[in-house]
Amino acid sequence: ITEIKEGRTPNPDVFCNRLIKFGEFYRKIDKSFEKVASGH
């Protein structure tokens, strides 16, 4: 929303990967998981 309001062209998927799928998710799951896999 901020990027659009500033007139820029955002790419939410880049931040979803860094901050959510490989960010917040890492912190939420049990530390015993050695790897996190995705369909990328």
PDB file of all heavy atoms in Angstrom:
ATOM      1  N   ILE A   1       0.829  -1.201   0.000  1.00  0.00           N
ATOM      2  CA  ILE A   1       0.000   0.000   0.000  1.00  0.00           C
ATOM      3  C   ILE A   1       0.870   1.260   0.000  1.00  0.00           C
ATOM      4  O   ILE A   1       0.613   2.225  -0.727  1.00  0.00           O
ATOM      5  CB  ILE A   1      -0.955  -0.008   1.215  1.00  0.00           C
ATOM      6  CG1 ILE A   1      -1.952  -1.166   1.094  1.00  0.00           C
ATOM      7  CG2 ILE A   1      -1.695   1.324   1.332  1.00  0.00           C
ATOM      8  CD1 ILE A   1      -2.755  -1.413   2.356  1.00  0.00           C
ATOM      9  N   THR A   2       1.926   1.261   0.820  1.00  0.00           N
ATOM     10  CA  THR A   2       2.819   2.417   0.905  1.00  0.00           C
ATOM     11  C   THR A   2       3.497   2.695  -0.427  1.00  0.00           C
ATOM     12  O   THR A   2       3.570   3.850  -0.881  1.00  0.00           O
ATOM     13  CB  THR A   2       3.885   2.203   1.995  1.00  0.00           C
ATOM     14  OG1 THR A   2       3.233   2.023   3.248  1.00  0.00           O
ATOM     15  CG2 THR A   2       4.825   3.398   2.079  1.00  0.00           C
ATOM     16  N   GLU A   3       4.008   1.647  -1.074  1.00  0.00           N
ATOM     17  CA  GLU A   3       4.684   1.818  -2.360  1.00  0.00           C
ATOM     18  C   GLU A   3       3.731   2.370  -3.420  1.00  0.00           C
ATOM     19  O   GLU A   3       4.087   3.262  -4.196  1.00  0.00           O
ATOM     20  CB  GLU A   3       5.272   0.480  -2.828  1.00  0.00           C
ATOM     21  CG  GLU A   3       6.469   0.019  -2.027  1.00  0.00           C
ATOM     22  CD  GLU A   3       7.688   0.900  -2.282  1.00  0.00           C
ATOM     23  OE1 GLU A   3       8.313   0.771  -3.337  1.00  0.00           O
ATOM     24  OE2 GLU A   3       8.006   1.724  -1.397  1.00  0.00           O
ATOM     25  N   ILE A   4       2.524   1.834  -3.465  1.00  0.00           N
ATOM     26  CA  ILE A   4       1.535   2.300  -4.440  1.00  0.00           C
ATOM     27  C   ILE A   4       1.194   3.767  -4.193  1.00  0.00           C
ATOM     28  O   ILE A   4       1.122   4.577  -5.122  1.00  0.00           O
ATOM     29  CB  ILE A   4       0.261   1.438  -4.359  1.00  0.00           C
ATOM     30  CG1 ILE A   4       0.564   0.026  -4.865  1.00  0.00           C
ATOM     31  CG2 ILE A   4      -0.873   2.054  -5.161  1.00  0.00           C
ATOM     32  CD1 ILE A   4      -0.528  -0.976  -4.571  1.00  0.00           C
ATOM     33  N   LYS A   5       1.022   4.125  -2.924  1.00  0.00           N
ATOM     34  CA  LYS A   5       0.677   5.508  -2.590  1.00  0.00           C
ATOM     35  C   LYS A   5       1.792   6.470  -2.978  1.00  0.00           C
ATOM     36  O   LYS A   5       1.533   7.621  -3.350  1.00  0.00           O
ATOM     37  CB  LYS A   5       0.380   5.612  -1.090  1.00  0.00           C
ATOM     38  CG  LYS A   5      -0.233   6.946  -0.686  1.00  0.00           C
ATOM     39  CD  LYS A   5      -0.662   6.924   0.772  1.00  0.00           C
ATOM     40  CE  LYS A   5      -1.320   8.242   1.162  1.00  0.00           C
ATOM     41  NZ  LYS A   5      -1.758   8.231   2.588  1.00  0.00           N
ATOM     42  N   GLU A   6       3.037   6.012  -2.926  1.00  0.00           N
ATOM     43  CA  GLU A   6       4.176   6.841  -3.301  1.00  0.00           C
ATOM     44  C   GLU A   6       4.409   6.863  -4.806  1.00  0.00           C
ATOM     45  O   GLU A   6       5.353   7.495  -5.284  1.00  0.00           O
ATOM     46  CB  GLU A   6       5.439   6.350  -2.588  1.00  0.00           C
ATOM     47  CG  GLU A   6       5.420   6.534  -1.082  1.00  0.00           C
ATOM     48  CD  GLU A   6       5.365   7.992  -0.664  1.00  0.00           C
ATOM     49  OE1 GLU A   6       6.012   8.815  -1.336  1.00  0.00           O
ATOM     50  OE2 GLU A   6       4.673   8.304   0.322  1.00  0.00           O
ATOM     51  N   GLY A   7       3.572   6.148  -5.551  1.00  0.00           N
ATOM     52  CA  GLY A   7       3.684   6.156  -6.999  1.00  0.00           C
ATOM     53  C   GLY A   7       4.674   5.157  -7.547  1.00  0.00           C
ATOM     54  O   GLY A   7       5.015   5.196  -8.733  1.00  0.00           O
ATOM     55  N   ARG A   8       5.132   4.234  -6.693  1.00  0.00           N
ATOM     56  CA  ARG A   8       6.101   3.241  -7.140  1.00  0.00           C
ATOM     57  C   ARG A   8       5.399   1.924  -7.490  1.00  0.00           C
ATOM     58  O   ARG A   8       4.210   1.762  -7.254  1.00  0.00           O
ATOM     59  CB  ARG A   8       7.169   3.031  -6.060  1.00  0.00           C
ATOM     60  CG  ARG A   8       8.022   4.282  -5.830  1.00  0.00           C
ATOM     61  CD  ARG A   8       9.176   4.004  -4.881  1.00  0.00           C
ATOM     62  NE  ARG A   8       8.740   3.836  -3.503  1.00  0.00           N
ATOM     63  CZ  ARG A   8       8.716   4.817  -2.598  1.00  0.00           C
ATOM     64  NH1 ARG A   8       9.074   6.036  -2.922  1.00  0.00           N
ATOM     65  NH2 ARG A   8       8.333   4.566  -1.357  1.00  0.00           N
ATOM     66  N   THR A   9       6.167   0.990  -8.055  1.00  0.00           N
ATOM     67  CA  THR A   9       5.636  -0.301  -8.486  1.00  0.00           C
ATOM     68  C   THR A   9       6.142  -1.384  -7.553  1.00  0.00           C
ATOM     69  O   THR A   9       7.300  -1.804  -7.654  1.00  0.00           O
ATOM     70  CB  THR A   9       6.071  -0.616  -9.936  1.00  0.00           C
ATOM     71  OG1 THR A   9       5.640   0.450 -10.787  1.00  0.00           O
ATOM     72  CG2 THR A   9       5.453  -1.923 -10.413  1.00  0.00           C
ATOM     73  N   PRO A  10       5.329  -1.866  -6.626  1.00  0.00           N
ATOM     74  CA  PRO A  10       5.809  -2.838  -5.634  1.00  0.00           C
ATOM     75  C   PRO A  10       5.846  -4.254  -6.179  1.00  0.00           C
ATOM     76  O   PRO A  10       5.245  -4.565  -7.212  1.00  0.00           O
ATOM     77  CB  PRO A  10       4.758  -2.722  -4.525  1.00  0.00           C
ATOM     78  CG  PRO A  10       3.496  -2.389  -5.263  1.00  0.00           C
ATOM     79  CD  PRO A  10       3.920  -1.498  -6.414  1.00  0.00           C
ATOM     80  N   ASN A  11       6.550  -5.126  -5.474  1.00  0.00           N
ATOM     81  CA  ASN A  11       6.541  -6.561  -5.770  1.00  0.00           C
ATOM     82  C   ASN A  11       6.399  -7.302  -4.444  1.00  0.00           C
ATOM     83  O   ASN A  11       7.402  -7.660  -3.814  1.00  0.00           O
ATOM     84  CB  ASN A  11       7.821  -6.985  -6.495  1.00  0.00           C
ATOM     85  CG  ASN A  11       7.702  -8.381  -7.081  1.00  0.00           C
ATOM     86  OD1 ASN A  11       7.205  -9.295  -6.440  1.00  0.00           O
ATOM     87  ND2 ASN A  11       8.135  -8.532  -8.318  1.00  0.00           N
ATOM     88  N   PRO A  12       5.167  -7.531  -3.997  1.00  0.00           N
ATOM     89  CA  PRO A  12       4.945  -8.136  -2.682  1.00  0.00           C
ATOM     90  C   PRO A  12       5.575  -9.514  -2.522  1.00  0.00           C
ATOM     91  O   PRO A  12       5.945  -9.902  -1.408  1.00  0.00           O
ATOM     92  CB  PRO A  12       3.416  -8.225  -2.594  1.00  0.00           C
ATOM     93  CG  PRO A  12       2.914  -7.228  -3.576  1.00  0.00           C
ATOM     94  CD  PRO A  12       3.914  -7.186  -4.682  1.00  0.00           C
ATOM     95  N   ASP A  13       5.702 -10.283  -3.622  1.00  0.00           N
ATOM     96  CA  ASP A  13       6.216 -11.649  -3.496  1.00  0.00           C
ATOM     97  C   ASP A  13       7.652 -11.682  -2.991  1.00  0.00           C
ATOM     98  O   ASP A  13       8.053 -12.621  -2.297  1.00  0.00           O
ATOM     99  CB  ASP A  13       6.124 -12.362  -4.847  1.00  0.00           C
ATOM    100  CG  ASP A  13       4.683 -12.664  -5.243  1.00  0.00           C
ATOM    101  OD1 ASP A  13       3.913 -13.021  -4.348  1.00  0.00           O
ATOM    102  OD2 ASP A  13       4.336 -12.511  -6.418  1.00  0.00           O
ATOM    103  N   VAL A  14       8.461 -10.669  -3.335  1.00  0.00           N
ATOM    104  CA  VAL A  14       9.841 -10.623  -2.866  1.00  0.00           C
ATOM    105  C   VAL A  14       9.875 -10.529  -1.344  1.00  0.00           C
ATOM    106  O   VAL A  14      10.634 -11.236  -0.670  1.00  0.00           O
ATOM    107  CB  VAL A  14      10.602  -9.441  -3.498  1.00  0.00           C
ATOM    108  CG1 VAL A  14      11.988  -9.291  -2.881  1.00  0.00           C
ATOM    109  CG2 VAL A  14      10.717  -9.635  -5.010  1.00  0.00           C
ATOM    110  N   PHE A  15       9.036  -9.667  -0.776  1.00  0.00           N
ATOM    111  CA  PHE A  15       9.020  -9.495   0.673  1.00  0.00           C
ATOM    112  C   PHE A  15       8.299 -10.641   1.368  1.00  0.00           C
ATOM    113  O   PHE A  15       8.618 -10.975   2.510  1.00  0.00           O
ATOM    114  CB  PHE A  15       8.379  -8.149   1.029  1.00  0.00           C
ATOM    115  CG  PHE A  15       9.332  -7.004   0.851  1.00  0.00           C
ATOM    116  CD1 PHE A  15       9.392  -6.308  -0.339  1.00  0.00           C
ATOM    117  CD2 PHE A  15      10.199  -6.637   1.860  1.00  0.00           C
ATOM    118  CE1 PHE A  15      10.292  -5.264  -0.518  1.00  0.00           C
ATOM    119  CE2 PHE A  15      11.104  -5.596   1.700  1.00  0.00           C
ATOM    120  CZ  PHE A  15      11.142  -4.908   0.509  1.00  0.00           C
ATOM    121  N   CYS A  16       7.347 -11.260   0.679  1.00  0.00           N
ATOM    122  CA  CYS A  16       6.685 -12.424   1.257  1.00  0.00           C
ATOM    123  C   CYS A  16       7.702 -13.536   1.491  1.00  0.00           C
ATOM    124  O   CYS A  16       7.695 -14.186   2.536  1.00  0.00           O
ATOM    125  CB  CYS A  16       5.567 -12.915   0.335  1.00  0.00           C
ATOM    126  SG  CYS A  16       4.671 -14.349   0.990  1.00  0.00           S
ATOM    127  N   ASN A  17       8.598 -13.745   0.537  1.00  0.00           N
ATOM    128  CA  ASN A  17       9.610 -14.793   0.685  1.00  0.00           C
ATOM    129  C   ASN A  17      10.595 -14.467   1.793  1.00  0.00           C
ATOM    130  O   ASN A  17      10.898 -15.303   2.644  1.00  0.00           O
ATOM    131  CB  ASN A  17      10.352 -15.008  -0.640  1.00  0.00           C
ATOM    132  CG  ASN A  17       9.503 -15.746  -1.653  1.00  0.00           C
ATOM    133  OD1 ASN A  17       8.754 -16.647  -1.305  1.00  0.00           O
ATOM    134  ND2 ASN A  17       9.595 -15.350  -2.909  1.00  0.00           N
ATOM    135  N   ARG A  18      11.113 -13.249   1.808  1.00  0.00           N
ATOM    136  CA  ARG A  18      12.133 -12.886   2.798  1.00  0.00           C
ATOM    137  C   ARG A  18      11.562 -12.785   4.209  1.00  0.00           C
ATOM    138  O   ARG A  18      12.163 -13.262   5.176  1.00  0.00           O
ATOM    139  CB  ARG A  18      12.799 -11.569   2.413  1.00  0.00           C
ATOM    140  CG  ARG A  18      13.838 -11.112   3.445  1.00  0.00           C
ATOM    141  CD  ARG A  18      14.477  -9.803   3.056  1.00  0.00           C
ATOM    142  NE  ARG A  18      15.313  -9.278   4.120  1.00  0.00           N
ATOM    143  CZ  ARG A  18      16.630  -9.093   4.036  1.00  0.00           C
ATOM    144  NH1 ARG A  18      17.280  -9.422   2.939  1.00  0.00           N
ATOM    145  NH2 ARG A  18      17.307  -8.591   5.049  1.00  0.00           N
ATOM    146  N   LEU A  19      10.403 -12.149   4.338  1.00  0.00           N
ATOM    147  CA  LEU A  19       9.887 -11.816   5.665  1.00  0.00           C
ATOM    148  C   LEU A  19       8.884 -12.819   6.227  1.00  0.00           C
ATOM    149  O   LEU A  19       8.716 -12.901   7.444  1.00  0.00           O
ATOM    150  CB  LEU A  19       9.249 -10.423   5.637  1.00  0.00           C
ATOM    151  CG  LEU A  19      10.181  -9.280   5.207  1.00  0.00           C
ATOM    152  CD1 LEU A  19       9.415  -7.973   5.122  1.00  0.00           C
ATOM    153  CD2 LEU A  19      11.361  -9.152   6.153  1.00  0.00           C
ATOM    154  N   ILE A  20       8.206 -13.570   5.351  1.00  0.00           N
ATOM    155  CA  ILE A  20       7.178 -14.494   5.819  1.00  0.00           C
ATOM    156  C   ILE A  20       7.598 -15.943   5.637  1.00  0.00           C
ATOM    157  O   ILE A  20       7.883 -16.657   6.605  1.00  0.00           O
ATOM    158  CB  ILE A  20       5.833 -14.232   5.093  1.00  0.00           C
ATOM    159  CG1 ILE A  20       5.382 -12.781   5.313  1.00  0.00           C
ATOM    160  CG2 ILE A  20       4.770 -15.207   5.611  1.00  0.00           C
ATOM    161  CD1 ILE A  20       5.116 -12.400   6.751  1.00  0.00           C
ATOM    162  N   LYS A  21       7.691 -16.419   4.401  1.00  0.00           N
ATOM    163  CA  LYS A  21       7.946 -17.847   4.162  1.00  0.00           C
ATOM    164  C   LYS A  21       9.291 -18.309   4.706  1.00  0.00           C
ATOM    165  O   LYS A  21       9.412 -19.417   5.232  1.00  0.00           O
ATOM    166  CB  LYS A  21       7.859 -18.133   2.659  1.00  0.00           C
ATOM    167  CG  LYS A  21       6.448 -17.986   2.096  1.00  0.00           C
ATOM    168  CD  LYS A  21       6.416 -18.257   0.603  1.00  0.00           C
ATOM    169  CE  LYS A  21       5.009 -18.100   0.062  1.00  0.00           C
ATOM    170  NZ  LYS A  21       4.959 -18.293  -1.418  1.00  0.00           N
ATOM    171  N   PHE A  22      10.311 -17.475   4.568  1.00  0.00           N
ATOM    172  CA  PHE A  22      11.630 -17.838   5.082  1.00  0.00           C
ATOM    173  C   PHE A  22      12.056 -16.904   6.219  1.00  0.00           C
ATOM    174  O   PHE A  22      13.227 -16.838   6.558  1.00  0.00           O
ATOM    175  CB  PHE A  22      12.655 -17.815   3.941  1.00  0.00           C
ATOM    176  CG  PHE A  22      12.306 -18.769   2.834  1.00  0.00           C
ATOM    177  CD1 PHE A  22      11.651 -18.332   1.706  1.00  0.00           C
ATOM    178  CD2 PHE A  22      12.599 -20.115   2.952  1.00  0.00           C
ATOM    179  CE1 PHE A  22      11.312 -19.220   0.678  1.00  0.00           C
ATOM    180  CE2 PHE A  22      12.269 -21.012   1.948  1.00  0.00           C
ATOM    181  CZ  PHE A  22      11.620 -20.559   0.810  1.00  0.00           C
ATOM    182  N   GLY A  23      11.077 -16.180   6.778  1.00  0.00           N
ATOM    183  CA  GLY A  23      11.333 -15.268   7.885  1.00  0.00           C
ATOM    184  C   GLY A  23      10.511 -15.633   9.106  1.00  0.00           C
ATOM    185  O   GLY A  23      10.949 -16.388   9.977  1.00  0.00           O
ATOM    186  N   GLU A  24       9.294 -15.107   9.179  1.00  0.00           N
ATOM    187  CA  GLU A  24       8.424 -15.385  10.322  1.00  0.00           C
ATOM    188  C   GLU A  24       8.161 -16.887  10.483  1.00  0.00           C
ATOM    189  O   GLU A  24       8.100 -17.386  11.606  1.00  0.00           O
ATOM    190  CB  GLU A  24       7.090 -14.642  10.160  1.00  0.00           C
ATOM    191  CG  GLU A  24       7.190 -13.126  10.285  1.00  0.00           C
ATOM    192  CD  GLU A  24       7.564 -12.672  11.688  1.00  0.00           C
ATOM    193  OE1 GLU A  24       7.334 -13.451  12.653  1.00  0.00           O
ATOM    194  OE2 GLU A  24       8.077 -11.547  11.831  1.00  0.00           O
ATOM    195  N   PHE A  25       8.027 -17.582   9.375  1.00  0.00           N
ATOM    196  CA  PHE A  25       7.781 -19.020   9.445  1.00  0.00           C
ATOM    197  C   PHE A  25       8.941 -19.752  10.130  1.00  0.00           C
ATOM    198  O   PHE A  25       8.730 -20.641  10.957  1.00  0.00           O
ATOM    199  CB  PHE A  25       7.559 -19.586   8.041  1.00  0.00           C
ATOM    200  CG  PHE A  25       7.309 -21.065   8.015  1.00  0.00           C
ATOM    201  CD1 PHE A  25       6.180 -21.601   8.606  1.00  0.00           C
ATOM    202  CD2 PHE A  25       8.204 -21.930   7.406  1.00  0.00           C
ATOM    203  CE1 PHE A  25       5.941 -22.965   8.599  1.00  0.00           C
ATOM    204  CE2 PHE A  25       7.985 -23.297   7.391  1.00  0.00           C
ATOM    205  CZ  PHE A  25       6.843 -23.815   7.990  1.00  0.00           C
ATOM    206  N   TYR A  26      10.171 -19.369   9.811  1.00  0.00           N
ATOM    207  CA  TYR A  26      11.347 -19.961  10.460  1.00  0.00           C
ATOM    208  C   TYR A  26      11.259 -19.820  11.975  1.00  0.00           C
ATOM    209  O   TYR A  26      11.639 -20.717  12.725  1.00  0.00           O
ATOM    210  CB  TYR A  26      12.620 -19.253   9.986  1.00  0.00           C
ATOM    211  CG  TYR A  26      13.223 -19.767   8.701  1.00  0.00           C
ATOM    212  CD1 TYR A  26      12.511 -20.588   7.842  1.00  0.00           C
ATOM    213  CD2 TYR A  26      14.516 -19.421   8.343  1.00  0.00           C
ATOM    214  CE1 TYR A  26      13.069 -21.049   6.663  1.00  0.00           C
ATOM    215  CE2 TYR A  26      15.091 -19.877   7.160  1.00  0.00           C
ATOM    216  CZ  TYR A  26      14.354 -20.693   6.327  1.00  0.00           C
ATOM    217  OH  TYR A  26      14.908 -21.155   5.165  1.00  0.00           O
ATOM    218  N   ARG A  27      10.777 -18.660  12.411  1.00  0.00           N
ATOM    219  CA  ARG A  27      10.741 -18.386  13.848  1.00  0.00           C
ATOM    220  C   ARG A  27       9.568 -19.068  14.554  1.00  0.00           C
ATOM    221  O   ARG A  27       9.604 -19.260  15.764  1.00  0.00           O
ATOM    222  CB  ARG A  27      10.685 -16.870  14.076  1.00  0.00           C
ATOM    223  CG  ARG A  27      11.992 -16.164  13.727  1.00  0.00           C
ATOM    224  CD  ARG A  27      11.949 -14.689  14.057  1.00  0.00           C
ATOM    225  NE  ARG A  27      11.295 -13.916  13.019  1.00  0.00           N
ATOM    226  CZ  ARG A  27      11.919 -13.451  11.932  1.00  0.00           C
ATOM    227  NH1 ARG A  27      13.194 -13.707  11.739  1.00  0.00           N
ATOM    228  NH2 ARG A  27      11.261 -12.745  11.030  1.00  0.00           N
ATOM    229  N   LYS A  28       8.527 -19.426  13.790  1.00  0.00           N
ATOM    230  CA  LYS A  28       7.332 -20.011  14.387  1.00  0.00           C
ATOM    231  C   LYS A  28       7.457 -21.519  14.596  1.00  0.00           C
ATOM    232  O   LYS A  28       6.898 -22.067  15.549  1.00  0.00           O
ATOM    233  CB  LYS A  28       6.112 -19.731  13.498  1.00  0.00           C
ATOM    234  CG  LYS A  28       5.730 -18.255  13.384  1.00  0.00           C
ATOM    235  CD  LYS A  28       5.010 -17.758  14.611  1.00  0.00           C
ATOM    236  CE  LYS A  28       4.523 -16.327  14.390  1.00  0.00           C
ATOM    237  NZ  LYS A  28       3.828 -15.794  15.586  1.00  0.00           N
ATOM    238  N   ILE A  29       8.175 -22.179  13.681  1.00  0.00           N
ATOM    239  CA  ILE A  29       8.201 -23.638  13.749  1.00  0.00           C
ATOM    240  C   ILE A  29       9.244 -24.137  14.747  1.00  0.00           C
ATOM    241  O   ILE A  29      10.140 -23.398  15.157  1.00  0.00           O
ATOM    242  CB  ILE A  29       8.476 -24.258  12.357  1.00  0.00           C
ATOM    243  CG1 ILE A  29       9.827 -23.783  11.806  1.00  0.00           C
ATOM    244  CG2 ILE A  29       7.339 -23.943  11.408  1.00  0.00           C
ATOM    245  CD1 ILE A  29      10.219 -24.436  10.496  1.00  0.00           C
ATOM    246  N   ASP A  30       9.117 -25.398  15.087  1.00  0.00           N
ATOM    247  CA  ASP A  30      10.037 -26.039  16.027  1.00  0.00           C
ATOM    248  C   ASP A  30      11.465 -26.013  15.470  1.00  0.00           C
ATOM    249  O   ASP A  30      11.693 -26.227  14.282  1.00  0.00           O
ATOM    250  CB  ASP A  30       9.581 -27.484  16.248  1.00  0.00           C
ATOM    251  CG  ASP A  30      10.296 -28.129  17.422  1.00  0.00           C
ATOM    252  OD1 ASP A  30      11.467 -28.492  17.243  1.00  0.00           O
ATOM    253  OD2 ASP A  30       9.683 -28.268  18.500  1.00  0.00           O
ATOM    254  N   LYS A  31      12.418 -25.765  16.327  1.00  0.00           N
ATOM    255  CA  LYS A  31      13.828 -25.670  15.907  1.00  0.00           C
ATOM    256  C   LYS A  31      14.385 -27.019  15.443  1.00  0.00           C
ATOM    257  O   LYS A  31      15.465 -27.067  14.852  1.00  0.00           O
ATOM    258  CB  LYS A  31      14.686 -25.146  17.064  1.00  0.00           C
ATOM    259  CG  LYS A  31      14.296 -23.753  17.553  1.00  0.00           C
ATOM    260  CD  LYS A  31      14.393 -22.723  16.451  1.00  0.00           C
ATOM    261  CE  LYS A  31      14.031 -21.340  16.983  1.00  0.00           C
ATOM    262  NZ  LYS A  31      13.991 -20.332  15.901  1.00  0.00           N
ATOM    263  N   SER A  32      13.640 -28.093  15.696  1.00  0.00           N
ATOM    264  CA  SER A  32      14.127 -29.404  15.278  1.00  0.00           C
ATOM    265  C   SER A  32      14.044 -29.613  13.766  1.00  0.00           C
ATOM    266  O   SER A  32      14.652 -30.546  13.236  1.00  0.00           O
ATOM    267  CB  SER A  32      13.342 -30.516  15.993  1.00  0.00           C
ATOM    268  OG  SER A  32      11.973 -30.473  15.628  1.00  0.00           O
ATOM    269  N   PHE A  33      13.298 -28.754  13.078  1.00  0.00           N
ATOM    270  CA  PHE A  33      13.243 -28.853  11.622  1.00  0.00           C
ATOM    271  C   PHE A  33      14.562 -28.331  11.045  1.00  0.00           C
ATOM    272  O   PHE A  33      14.908 -27.170  11.201  1.00  0.00           O
ATOM    273  CB  PHE A  33      12.068 -28.050  11.054  1.00  0.00           C
ATOM    274  CG  PHE A  33      10.730 -28.691  11.285  1.00  0.00           C
ATOM    275  CD1 PHE A  33       9.890 -28.235  12.293  1.00  0.00           C
ATOM    276  CD2 PHE A  33      10.320 -29.760  10.495  1.00  0.00           C
ATOM    277  CE1 PHE A  33       8.658 -28.827  12.515  1.00  0.00           C
ATOM    278  CE2 PHE A  33       9.091 -30.359  10.706  1.00  0.00           C
ATOM    279  CZ  PHE A  33       8.252 -29.900  11.719  1.00  0.00           C
ATOM    280  N   GLU A  34      15.280 -29.218  10.366  1.00  0.00           N
ATOM    281  CA  GLU A  34      16.589 -28.849   9.827  1.00  0.00           C
ATOM    282  C   GLU A  34      16.466 -28.010   8.566  1.00  0.00           C
ATOM    283  O   GLU A  34      17.312 -27.158   8.287  1.00  0.00           O
ATOM    284  CB  GLU A  34      17.396 -30.118   9.519  1.00  0.00           C
ATOM    285  CG  GLU A  34      17.690 -30.965  10.737  1.00  0.00           C
ATOM    286  CD  GLU A  34      18.243 -32.319  10.351  1.00  0.00           C
ATOM    287  OE1 GLU A  34      19.381 -32.366   9.827  1.00  0.00           O
ATOM    288  OE2 GLU A  34      17.552 -33.331  10.559  1.00  0.00           O
ATOM    289  N   LYS A  35      15.425 -28.263   7.786  1.00  0.00           N
ATOM    290  CA  LYS A  35      15.249 -27.553   6.524  1.00  0.00           C
ATOM    291  C   LYS A  35      13.800 -27.126   6.351  1.00  0.00           C
ATOM    292  O   LYS A  35      12.876 -27.736   6.902  1.00  0.00           O
ATOM    293  CB  LYS A  35      15.645 -28.444   5.337  1.00  0.00           C
ATOM    294  CG  LYS A  35      17.127 -28.831   5.284  1.00  0.00           C
ATOM    295  CD  LYS A  35      18.008 -27.676   4.830  1.00  0.00           C
ATOM    296  CE  LYS A  35      19.451 -28.103   4.678  1.00  0.00           C
ATOM    297  NZ  LYS A  35      20.325 -27.001   4.203  1.00  0.00           N
ATOM    298  N   VAL A  36      13.625 -26.061   5.549  1.00  0.00           N
ATOM    299  CA  VAL A  36      12.300 -25.612   5.126  1.00  0.00           C
ATOM    300  C   VAL A  36      12.251 -25.715   3.610  1.00  0.00           C
ATOM    301  O   VAL A  36      13.088 -25.145   2.911  1.00  0.00           O
ATOM    302  CB  VAL A  36      12.023 -24.165   5.576  1.00  0.00           C
ATOM    303  CG1 VAL A  36      10.757 -23.639   4.913  1.00  0.00           C
ATOM    304  CG2 VAL A  36      11.887 -24.096   7.091  1.00  0.00           C
ATOM    305  N   ALA A  37      11.287 -26.473   3.102  1.00  0.00           N
ATOM    306  CA  ALA A  37      11.187 -26.717   1.669  1.00  0.00           C
ATOM    307  C   ALA A  37       9.967 -26.003   1.089  1.00  0.00           C
ATOM    308  O   ALA A  37       8.945 -25.830   1.756  1.00  0.00           O
ATOM    309  CB  ALA A  37      11.092 -28.208   1.383  1.00  0.00           C
ATOM    310  N   SER A  38      10.087 -25.592  -0.169  1.00  0.00           N
ATOM    311  CA  SER A  38       8.978 -24.961  -0.873  1.00  0.00           C
ATOM    312  C   SER A  38       8.983 -25.424  -2.323  1.00  0.00           C
ATOM    313  O   SER A  38       9.904 -26.094  -2.783  1.00  0.00           O
ATOM    314  CB  SER A  38       9.088 -23.430  -0.802  1.00  0.00           C
ATOM    315  OG  SER A  38      10.171 -22.981  -1.607  1.00  0.00           O
ATOM    316  N   GLY A  39       7.949 -25.037  -3.058  1.00  0.00           N
ATOM    317  CA  GLY A  39       7.820 -25.420  -4.459  1.00  0.00           C
ATOM    318  C   GLY A  39       8.365 -24.397  -5.417  1.00  0.00           C
ATOM    319  O   GLY A  39       7.841 -24.238  -6.525  1.00  0.00           O
ATOM    320  N   HIS A  40       9.418 -23.680  -5.025  1.00  0.00           N
ATOM    321  CA  HIS A  40      10.025 -22.691  -5.915  1.00  0.00           C
ATOM    322  C   HIS A  40      10.922 -23.363  -6.957  1.00  0.00           C
ATOM    323  O   HIS A  40      11.598 -24.343  -6.677  1.00  0.00           O
ATOM    324  CB  HIS A  40      10.881 -21.702  -5.114  1.00  0.00           C
ATOM    325  CG  HIS A  40      10.085 -20.674  -4.374  1.00  0.00           C
ATOM    326  ND1 HIS A  40       9.772 -20.824  -3.043  1.00  0.00           N
ATOM    327  CD2 HIS A  40       9.548 -19.499  -4.777  1.00  0.00           C
ATOM    328  CE1 HIS A  40       9.075 -19.762  -2.652  1.00  0.00           C
ATOM    329  NE2 HIS A  40       8.915 -18.963  -3.681  1.00  0.00           N
TER     330      HIS A  40
END
